[in-house]
Amino acid sequence: MNFFYCRCTFLFLFIINSALWSQTDSIPKHKTIKVFRPNDSTYIKAFTDFFVYYDNPGSALTYRDYVMFIHRYSSARNSERLKITDTRPKGNAALPFDYTFYFQNNHFTKDIKMRKQETDTVKLLVYVSNKGGVNYMDLAPMEVSGNRLRVYNMDRTEYKEDVVHLKTQNAFKELLNSKWEPAIIAALRTHPSKRKNKYKVTNAYSEGILTIIYSSYPILN
């Protein structure tokens, strides 16, 4: 009887240990899967394509004049002898100015909602004088109907109300509350000092395109 009891006890302990071992072994193989719903938000990215000039490119600020000017005149470029500091809103020490961060956080544009699979692009032609005065224009064909801004829809070949362009313009206007820091061209002098380089610093003119993209899905770099 003792022999039978011992065999039963051994068999019971073996079953219990086997069950515990199998449960412990299965833990790392059966993790809980968490499913997250995508955020109902709009992705925003902004970038600039500005040119810097010694001479005034003209502030008539039409796209045709802008294109003609950049073909006629060469802009200043960074090189061993030239250092270019881009224009930026006054009071913003960071270089270069982060337009993406600005439009992502501005109260006019941060809550813009796009429909699923929808994108919209706003292009502003921006002119900054050598004294920091700014002019700009939205490059989209548009018309004003009463107090409403209507933008030409290329797909439907018609004008439609466009909140995105209006809010983008309002956000950009807030950057124009004061004069901007003009672009700066620092040119290495022909006969630099033996001890250190000396530069001739000149306030310059800037003109170019500020592009802001709004999208319902992530924007690839």
Protein backbone atom coordinates (compact mmCIF):
# COMPACT_ATOMS: atom_id res chain seq x y z
CA MET A 1 0.00 0.00 0.00
CA ASN A 2 2.86 2.29 0.78
CA PHE A 3 4.35 1.50 -2.60
CA PHE A 4 1.02 2.34 -4.32
CA TYR A 5 0.74 5.57 -2.33
CA CYS A 6 4.24 6.63 -3.27
CA ARG A 7 3.61 5.98 -6.97
CA CYS A 8 0.37 8.03 -6.88
CA THR A 9 2.12 10.88 -5.09
CA PHE A 10 4.96 10.89 -7.61
CA LEU A 11 2.51 10.86 -10.54
CA PHE A 12 0.47 13.73 -9.05
CA LEU A 13 3.58 15.89 -8.48
CA PHE A 14 4.81 15.15 -12.01
CA ILE A 15 1.48 16.30 -13.51
CA ILE A 16 1.43 19.48 -11.41
CA ASN A 17 5.04 20.36 -12.28
CA SER A 18 4.43 19.69 -15.96
CA ALA A 19 1.41 21.99 -15.97
CA LEU A 20 3.30 24.77 -14.22
CA TRP A 21 6.28 24.39 -16.56
CA SER A 22 4.09 24.56 -19.66
CA GLN A 23 2.29 27.70 -18.39
CA THR A 24 5.57 29.46 -17.60
CA ASP A 25 7.00 28.53 -20.98
CA SER A 26 3.96 29.87 -22.83
CA ILE A 27 4.06 33.35 -21.26
CA PRO A 28 6.58 34.97 -23.65
CA LYS A 29 4.88 33.35 -26.64
CA HIS A 30 1.41 34.72 -26.02
CA LYS A 31 1.71 38.47 -25.41
CA THR A 32 -1.29 40.78 -25.32
CA ILE A 33 -1.71 42.66 -28.62
CA LYS A 34 -2.82 46.28 -28.26
CA VAL A 35 -4.66 47.84 -31.17
CA PHE A 36 -4.55 51.63 -31.50
CA ARG A 37 -6.90 53.69 -33.62
CA PRO A 38 -5.14 56.22 -35.85
CA ASN A 39 -5.22 59.82 -34.65
CA ASP A 40 -7.82 62.02 -36.29
CA SER A 41 -5.29 64.72 -37.10
CA THR A 42 -3.75 66.54 -40.01
CA TYR A 43 -0.08 66.24 -40.87
CA ILE A 44 1.65 69.52 -41.74
CA LYS A 45 5.00 70.11 -43.39
CA ALA A 46 6.48 73.41 -44.59
CA PHE A 47 9.67 74.28 -46.43
CA THR A 48 11.19 77.25 -48.25
CA ASP A 49 13.02 77.81 -51.50
CA PHE A 50 14.39 81.33 -50.99
CA PHE A 51 17.02 83.17 -53.03
CA VAL A 52 19.25 85.90 -51.60
CA TYR A 53 20.37 88.92 -53.66
CA TYR A 54 22.65 91.93 -53.28
CA ASP A 55 20.34 93.97 -55.55
CA ASN A 56 16.63 94.51 -55.18
CA PRO A 57 14.75 91.88 -57.22
CA GLY A 58 11.74 94.21 -57.33
CA SER A 59 8.73 94.08 -55.09
CA ALA A 60 6.01 94.04 -57.77
CA LEU A 61 5.58 90.50 -56.49
CA THR A 62 3.97 88.76 -59.40
CA TYR A 63 4.95 85.19 -60.12
CA ARG A 64 5.88 86.06 -63.69
CA ASP A 65 8.25 88.83 -62.55
CA TYR A 66 9.76 86.48 -59.96
CA VAL A 67 10.47 83.76 -62.52
CA MET A 68 11.91 86.28 -64.98
CA PHE A 69 14.18 87.77 -62.31
CA ILE A 70 15.73 84.48 -61.13
CA HIS A 71 16.55 83.71 -64.77
CA ARG A 72 18.19 87.09 -65.35
CA TYR A 73 20.18 87.42 -62.15
CA SER A 74 22.23 84.99 -60.12
CA SER A 75 21.60 84.79 -56.39
CA ALA A 76 24.29 84.70 -53.72
CA ARG A 77 25.23 81.19 -52.61
CA ASN A 78 27.20 79.81 -49.67
CA SER A 79 30.82 79.21 -50.60
CA GLU A 80 34.32 79.46 -49.16
CA ARG A 81 34.13 83.25 -49.49
CA LEU A 82 30.41 83.87 -48.86
CA LYS A 83 28.32 83.08 -45.79
CA ILE A 84 24.56 83.48 -46.20
CA THR A 85 22.20 83.98 -43.24
CA ASP A 86 18.57 83.48 -44.25
CA THR A 87 15.83 85.95 -43.47
CA ARG A 88 13.53 85.15 -40.54
CA PRO A 89 10.81 86.73 -38.37
CA LYS A 90 12.23 89.10 -35.75
CA GLY A 91 12.61 87.72 -32.26
CA ASN A 92 13.31 84.17 -33.50
CA ALA A 93 16.95 83.42 -32.85
CA ALA A 94 16.84 79.84 -34.13
CA LEU A 95 18.37 79.35 -37.57
CA PRO A 96 16.90 78.38 -39.85
CA PHE A 97 13.36 79.33 -38.79
CA ASP A 98 11.20 76.19 -38.34
CA TYR A 99 8.12 76.89 -40.48
CA THR A 100 6.80 73.33 -40.01
CA PHE A 101 6.75 73.76 -36.22
CA TYR A 102 5.14 77.17 -36.58
CA PHE A 103 2.18 76.02 -38.72
CA GLN A 104 1.77 72.84 -36.66
CA ASN A 105 1.25 74.96 -33.55
CA ASN A 106 -0.41 78.13 -34.81
CA HIS A 107 -4.00 78.46 -33.56
CA PHE A 108 -5.31 79.08 -37.09
CA THR A 109 -3.75 76.02 -38.72
CA LYS A 110 -3.15 73.37 -36.05
CA ASP A 111 -6.81 72.24 -36.00
CA ILE A 112 -7.37 72.10 -39.77
CA LYS A 113 -9.11 68.81 -40.61
CA MET A 114 -8.67 67.01 -43.92
CA ARG A 115 -10.95 64.36 -45.38
CA LYS A 116 -9.58 60.82 -45.68
CA GLN A 117 -6.87 60.57 -48.35
CA GLU A 118 -7.03 64.34 -48.90
CA THR A 119 -4.10 66.73 -49.24
CA ASP A 120 -3.87 70.45 -49.90
CA THR A 121 -0.83 72.58 -50.70
CA VAL A 122 -0.48 76.32 -50.17
CA LYS A 123 2.36 78.19 -51.88
CA LEU A 124 3.21 81.73 -50.83
CA LEU A 125 5.56 83.93 -52.84
CA VAL A 126 7.45 85.93 -50.19
CA TYR A 127 9.60 89.05 -50.67
CA VAL A 128 11.76 90.48 -47.86
CA SER A 129 13.64 93.75 -48.36
CA ASN A 130 17.10 94.52 -46.99
CA LYS A 131 15.38 96.49 -44.23
CA GLY A 132 13.09 93.63 -43.20
CA GLY A 133 9.87 94.73 -44.92
CA VAL A 134 7.77 91.79 -46.13
CA ASN A 135 5.28 91.38 -48.98
CA TYR A 136 3.65 88.13 -50.00
CA MET A 137 1.00 86.63 -52.26
CA ASP A 138 -0.79 83.29 -52.46
CA LEU A 139 0.08 81.69 -55.79
CA ALA A 140 -3.24 79.86 -56.16
CA PRO A 141 -5.71 81.47 -58.59
CA MET A 142 -8.44 82.92 -56.40
CA GLU A 143 -11.25 85.42 -56.17
CA VAL A 144 -13.05 87.18 -53.35
CA SER A 145 -16.82 86.85 -53.23
CA GLY A 146 -18.15 89.17 -50.53
CA ASN A 147 -16.18 88.23 -47.42
CA ARG A 148 -15.41 84.75 -48.72
CA LEU A 149 -12.21 83.60 -50.35
CA ARG A 150 -12.69 81.23 -53.29
CA VAL A 151 -9.78 79.24 -54.71
CA TYR A 152 -9.66 77.70 -58.17
CA ASN A 153 -10.07 73.91 -58.06
CA MET A 154 -8.01 72.35 -60.85
CA ASP A 155 -9.89 69.03 -60.70
CA ARG A 156 -13.35 70.55 -61.01
CA THR A 157 -12.21 73.54 -63.08
CA GLU A 158 -14.16 75.90 -60.87
CA TYR A 159 -13.69 78.22 -57.89
CA LYS A 160 -14.61 76.88 -54.43
CA GLU A 161 -14.47 78.16 -50.88
CA ASP A 162 -11.17 77.15 -49.33
CA VAL A 163 -10.68 77.36 -45.57
CA VAL A 164 -7.12 75.99 -45.73
CA HIS A 165 -5.75 78.90 -47.78
CA LEU A 166 -7.56 81.46 -45.66
CA LYS A 167 -6.29 80.03 -42.36
CA THR A 168 -2.77 79.70 -43.73
CA GLN A 169 -2.79 83.36 -44.77
CA ASN A 170 -4.06 84.39 -41.33
CA ALA A 171 -1.30 82.35 -39.67
CA PHE A 172 1.36 83.89 -41.91
CA LYS A 173 0.05 87.40 -41.25
CA GLU A 174 0.80 86.87 -37.56
CA LEU A 175 4.46 86.49 -38.50
CA LEU A 176 4.31 89.94 -40.08
CA ASN A 177 3.41 91.87 -36.93
CA SER A 178 6.92 93.33 -36.97
CA LYS A 179 9.69 93.69 -39.50
CA TRP A 180 11.78 90.62 -40.23
CA GLU A 181 15.49 90.14 -39.89
CA PRO A 182 16.78 90.57 -43.45
CA ALA A 183 19.08 88.03 -45.04
CA ILE A 184 22.78 88.74 -44.57
CA ILE A 185 25.67 88.20 -46.94
CA ALA A 186 29.08 88.04 -45.28
CA ALA A 187 31.83 88.23 -47.93
CA LEU A 188 35.41 87.36 -47.06
CA ARG A 189 37.64 90.36 -47.70
CA THR A 190 40.17 90.10 -50.51
CA HIS A 191 43.07 90.70 -48.14
CA PRO A 192 42.06 89.10 -44.85
CA SER A 193 43.93 89.69 -41.62
CA LYS A 194 46.81 87.34 -40.87
CA ARG A 195 45.30 86.56 -37.48
CA LYS A 196 41.65 86.01 -38.43
CA ASN A 197 39.27 86.20 -41.36
CA LYS A 198 37.44 89.47 -41.85
CA TYR A 199 34.11 89.75 -43.62
CA LYS A 200 32.20 92.57 -45.23
CA VAL A 201 28.63 92.19 -43.97
CA THR A 202 25.72 93.37 -46.15
CA ASN A 203 21.98 93.26 -45.54
CA ALA A 204 20.46 91.47 -48.54
CA TYR A 205 17.14 90.98 -50.29
CA SER A 206 15.23 87.68 -50.26
CA GLU A 207 12.53 86.30 -52.50
CA GLY A 208 11.18 82.79 -52.87
CA ILE A 209 8.44 80.24 -52.25
CA LEU A 210 7.13 79.13 -48.87
CA THR A 211 5.26 75.82 -49.34
CA ILE A 212 2.89 74.41 -46.70
CA ILE A 213 1.45 70.91 -47.18
CA TYR A 214 -1.59 69.62 -45.29
CA SER A 215 -2.35 65.91 -45.46
CA SER A 216 -4.63 63.33 -43.84
CA TYR A 217 -1.78 60.80 -43.93
CA PRO A 218 1.93 61.03 -43.00
CA ILE A 219 4.08 63.10 -45.34
CA LEU A 220 7.24 61.42 -46.58
CA ASN A 221 10.45 63.43 -46.50
